[in-house]
Protein backbone atom coordinates (compact mmCIF):
# COMPACT_ATOMS: atom_id res chain seq x y z
CA MET A 1 -1.13 -2.19 7.42
CA LEU A 2 -2.01 -4.69 4.71
CA GLY A 3 0.38 -4.73 1.77
CA ASP A 4 3.21 -3.07 3.69
CA VAL A 5 6.78 -4.07 2.81
CA LEU A 6 9.04 -5.05 5.72
CA LEU A 7 12.82 -4.90 5.32
CA ILE A 8 13.88 -6.94 8.36
CA ASN A 9 17.59 -7.60 8.88
CA ASP A 10 19.89 -8.86 11.64
CA LEU A 11 20.12 -5.42 13.25
CA HIS A 12 16.36 -5.37 13.84
CA LYS A 13 16.50 -8.88 15.29
CA ALA A 14 19.40 -8.06 17.61
CA ALA A 15 17.72 -4.89 18.87
CA ALA A 16 14.48 -6.81 19.36
CA GLN A 17 16.29 -9.44 21.44
CA ALA A 18 17.79 -6.76 23.70
CA ILE A 19 14.36 -5.14 24.16
CA THR A 20 12.83 -8.57 24.81
CA GLU A 21 15.07 -9.08 27.83
CA ARG A 22 14.03 -5.70 29.26
CA VAL A 23 10.35 -6.51 28.63
CA LEU A 24 10.58 -9.95 30.25
CA ALA A 25 12.24 -8.53 33.37
CA GLU A 26 9.70 -5.71 33.76
CA LYS A 27 6.74 -7.95 32.93
CA LYS A 28 7.84 -10.41 35.62
CA GLU A 29 7.90 -7.62 38.21
CA LYS A 30 4.44 -6.40 37.17
CA GLU A 31 3.06 -9.91 37.47
CA LYS A 32 4.23 -10.21 41.06
CA VAL A 33 1.54 -7.62 41.88
CA ASP A 34 -0.98 -8.68 39.21
CA PRO A 35 -0.49 -12.17 37.69
CA ASP A 36 -2.74 -11.21 34.74
CA TYR A 37 -1.02 -7.90 34.00
CA LYS A 38 -1.28 -6.85 30.33
CA TYR A 39 1.98 -5.20 29.20
CA VAL A 40 2.27 -2.53 26.48
CA VAL A 41 5.34 -1.49 24.46
CA ALA A 42 5.38 1.59 22.19
CA ILE A 43 7.93 2.17 19.43
CA SER A 44 8.38 5.57 17.77
CA GLY A 45 10.67 6.92 15.07
CA GLU A 46 10.65 8.80 11.80
CA SER A 47 9.61 7.51 8.40
CA GLY A 48 11.83 4.63 7.28
CA ALA A 49 13.54 4.25 10.67
CA GLY A 50 12.38 0.65 11.00
CA LYS A 51 9.45 0.90 13.42
CA SER A 52 7.43 -1.84 11.75
CA GLU A 53 10.47 -4.06 11.29
CA LEU A 54 11.48 -3.69 14.94
CA SER A 55 7.89 -4.22 16.12
CA HIS A 56 7.55 -7.40 14.07
CA SER A 57 10.95 -8.66 15.24
CA LEU A 58 10.06 -7.92 18.85
CA ALA A 59 6.74 -9.74 18.49
CA GLN A 60 8.51 -12.78 17.01
CA SER A 61 11.15 -12.73 19.75
CA LEU A 62 8.50 -12.62 22.47
CA LYS A 63 6.51 -15.34 20.71
CA GLY A 64 9.58 -17.51 21.10
CA GLN A 65 9.22 -16.98 24.85
CA GLY A 66 5.63 -18.22 24.79
CA ILE A 67 4.09 -14.73 24.85
CA ARG A 68 1.24 -14.01 22.44
CA VAL A 69 1.69 -10.55 20.94
CA LYS A 70 -0.48 -8.23 18.85
CA VAL A 71 1.01 -5.29 16.94
CA LEU A 72 -1.08 -2.13 16.66
CA HIS A 73 0.08 0.18 13.85
CA THR A 74 -0.99 3.76 14.56
CA ASP A 75 -0.75 4.61 10.84
CA ASN A 76 -4.12 2.85 10.62
CA TYR A 77 -5.64 5.52 12.86
CA TYR A 78 -5.35 8.67 10.72
CA LEU A 79 -8.49 10.80 10.91
CA VAL A 80 -8.29 11.54 7.16
CA PRO A 81 -8.22 8.47 4.86
CA PRO A 82 -5.17 7.86 2.60
CA LEU A 83 -6.73 8.97 -0.70
CA LEU A 84 -7.74 12.35 0.75
CA ARG A 85 -4.80 13.03 3.07
CA LYS A 86 -2.44 14.87 0.72
CA GLU A 87 -5.20 17.18 -0.50
CA TRP A 88 -6.33 17.78 3.10
CA ARG A 89 -2.79 18.64 4.17
CA MET A 90 -2.25 20.99 1.24
CA THR A 91 -5.57 22.72 1.94
CA ASN A 92 -4.94 23.08 5.66
CA GLY A 93 -1.26 23.93 5.42
CA ILE A 94 1.90 22.10 6.40
CA ASP A 95 1.37 22.97 10.09
CA SER A 96 -1.62 20.60 10.07
CA VAL A 97 0.81 17.66 9.79
CA GLY A 98 1.47 16.12 13.18
CA ILE A 99 0.17 14.37 16.25
CA ASP A 100 -3.37 15.74 15.92
CA GLU A 101 -3.89 13.91 12.59
CA TYR A 102 -4.58 10.68 14.49
CA ASP A 103 -7.68 9.37 16.22
CA TRP A 104 -6.07 8.98 19.64
CA SER A 105 -9.39 8.35 21.35
CA LEU A 106 -9.79 5.20 19.23
CA VAL A 107 -6.17 4.16 19.82
CA ASN A 108 -6.63 4.51 23.56
CA ARG A 109 -9.99 2.74 23.44
CA ASN A 110 -8.40 -0.24 21.70
CA ILE A 111 -5.65 -0.29 24.35
CA VAL A 112 -8.29 -0.36 27.08
CA ASP A 113 -10.00 -3.23 25.22
CA PHE A 114 -6.67 -5.07 25.30
CA LYS A 115 -6.22 -4.39 29.02
CA GLU A 116 -9.75 -5.61 29.76
CA ASN A 117 -9.61 -8.72 27.54
CA ARG A 118 -12.38 -7.59 25.22
CA GLU A 119 -13.13 -8.22 21.58
CA THR A 120 -12.67 -5.03 19.59
CA ILE A 121 -12.81 -3.56 16.08
CA MET A 122 -9.59 -2.00 14.81
CA PRO A 123 -9.01 -0.03 11.58
CA CYS A 124 -6.61 -1.59 9.09
CA ILE A 125 -5.43 0.23 5.95
CA ASP A 126 -4.81 -1.84 2.83
CA ILE A 127 -2.14 0.29 1.13
CA ILE A 128 -2.65 -1.26 -2.32
CA PRO A 129 -6.18 0.17 -2.87
CA ASP A 130 -5.64 2.79 -0.08
CA GLN A 131 -8.75 1.48 1.61
CA ILE A 132 -9.60 1.40 5.31
CA ASP A 133 -10.79 -2.06 6.37
CA LYS A 134 -12.00 -3.22 9.79
CA LEU A 135 -10.26 -5.93 11.77
CA ILE A 136 -12.07 -7.80 14.55
CA THR A 137 -9.61 -8.76 17.28
CA ASP A 138 -10.19 -10.82 20.43
CA PHE A 139 -7.70 -9.65 23.05
CA LYS A 140 -8.65 -12.35 25.57
CA LYS A 141 -5.65 -14.54 24.76
CA ILE A 142 -3.22 -11.77 23.81
CA HIS A 143 -0.58 -11.23 26.52
CA LEU A 144 1.27 -8.18 25.20
CA LEU A 145 0.57 -5.27 22.87
CA VAL A 146 3.19 -3.53 20.72
CA ILE A 147 2.19 -0.11 19.39
CA ASP A 148 4.25 1.36 16.57
CA GLY A 149 4.10 4.66 14.74
CA LEU A 150 5.57 8.12 14.45
CA TYR A 151 4.06 9.29 17.73
CA ALA A 152 3.37 5.93 19.43
CA ILE A 153 5.29 6.78 22.62
CA ASN A 154 2.84 9.63 23.18
CA THR A 155 0.12 7.03 23.80
CA GLU A 156 -1.46 6.52 27.23
CA ASN A 157 -1.14 3.34 29.33
CA VAL A 158 2.28 2.34 27.95
CA ASP A 159 4.82 0.41 30.07
CA LEU A 160 7.94 0.71 27.89
CA ARG A 161 8.65 3.47 25.36
CA VAL A 162 11.25 2.88 22.63
CA PHE A 163 12.55 5.64 20.36
CA ILE A 164 14.55 5.01 17.16
CA GLU A 165 17.02 7.87 16.61
CA LEU A 166 17.43 7.57 12.80
CA THR A 167 16.00 10.61 10.99
CA TYR A 168 14.30 10.73 7.59
CA HIS A 169 17.53 12.17 6.12
CA GLU A 170 19.23 8.86 6.93
CA THR A 171 16.45 6.55 5.74
CA LYS A 172 15.84 7.75 2.19
CA MET A 173 16.71 4.39 0.65
CA SER A 174 14.26 2.52 2.90
CA GLN A 175 11.53 5.01 1.98
CA LEU A 176 12.18 4.53 -1.74
CA ILE A 177 12.21 0.72 -1.49
CA ARG A 178 9.00 0.56 0.51
CA GLY A 179 7.31 3.05 -1.84
CA LYS A 180 4.45 3.87 0.52
CA GLU A 181 4.20 7.50 -0.68
CA PRO A 182 5.52 9.37 -3.74
CA GLN A 183 8.70 11.31 -3.01
CA ASP A 184 7.90 14.83 -4.24
CA ASP A 185 8.56 18.32 -2.87
CA PHE A 186 5.43 18.31 -0.72
CA ARG A 187 6.35 14.92 0.72
CA LEU A 188 9.71 16.36 1.80
CA LYS A 189 7.89 19.17 3.62
CA VAL A 190 5.71 16.58 5.34
CA LEU A 191 8.77 14.58 6.40
CA GLU A 192 10.41 17.69 7.85
CA ARG A 193 7.27 18.57 9.77
CA GLU A 194 7.01 14.99 11.08
CA HIS A 195 10.70 15.15 12.02
CA ILE A 196 10.04 18.15 14.27
CA ASN A 197 7.02 16.51 15.90
CA VAL A 198 8.66 13.10 16.41
CA GLN A 199 11.82 14.56 17.91
CA SER A 200 9.71 16.53 20.41
CA LEU A 201 8.70 13.20 21.98
CA LYS A 202 12.21 11.77 22.40
CA HIS A 203 12.38 12.86 26.04
CA ARG A 204 9.58 10.38 26.86
CA ALA A 205 11.62 7.36 25.80
CA ASP A 206 12.81 4.66 28.19
CA LEU A 207 15.04 3.02 25.58
CA LEU A 208 16.80 4.54 22.57
CA VAL A 209 17.76 2.64 19.43
CA ASP A 210 20.74 4.57 18.08
CA ARG A 211 21.90 4.99 14.50
CA ASN A 212 23.83 1.70 14.68
CA TYR A 213 20.71 -0.01 16.02
CA ASP A 214 22.26 -0.54 19.43
CA VAL A 215 19.75 -0.31 22.27
CA VAL A 216 20.59 2.25 24.95
CA ASP A 217 18.93 3.05 28.27
CA ALA A 218 17.57 6.58 27.77
CA LYS A 219 18.07 7.60 31.39
CA GLY A 220 21.50 6.15 32.11
CA GLY A 221 22.96 6.16 28.59
CA ILE A 222 24.09 2.54 29.07
CA SER A 223 24.10 0.21 26.08
CA ILE A 224 21.88 -2.85 26.50
CA SER A 225 23.09 -6.01 24.79
CA ALA A 226 21.08 -9.19 24.50
CA SER A 227 22.42 -12.07 26.53
CA THR A 228 24.37 -14.56 24.44
CA GLY A 229 23.81 -17.40 26.87
CA ASP A 230 27.58 -18.06 27.03
CA SER A 231 29.14 -18.86 30.40
């Protein structure tokens, strides 16, 4: 999203490094079967949990390994544009807030374009004028795709699913600093509804980022620390 504010800190970078090592190991195994395999990571979490910060940090970490990465923000794929969304939600009721608000067919089509090395057109919201722009992307030289968003781990054709456990109750300060949406009573109802929907996807995660931003294997419950390189 154009105009978005990222609040990246050392916790995001450390978590990204730990995830990078998992990605590199899995990507290497995939490439033994298909040398041109196109790997996809999805990162989900509630509003203010640090999805964009972690996605950006992961992309930068992988770039340092010589891997060209593109980040796909699913917030760009809402069916209802930003200026009309609050009115649409109020008209249709709070139960309309959730996974079905997104154009998943377009998300999945762009992922297929990535897998097949095609040029594609992606939506891109400029949050200053609340306008939907179009971004032309050539996936031919992109090695890895990171998808972030509330429900990103629900996406098809994903290799690694990451879930950030922080809830909107714990991220109020980040939400205020970023100022993406006004914090009124209706917004709190939206956040609660999103909370219910996001948490329903947690079982799909391969990795969890806990409240301390430690990365944990979702199946074994084992903490994953990035290698320090020390002997």
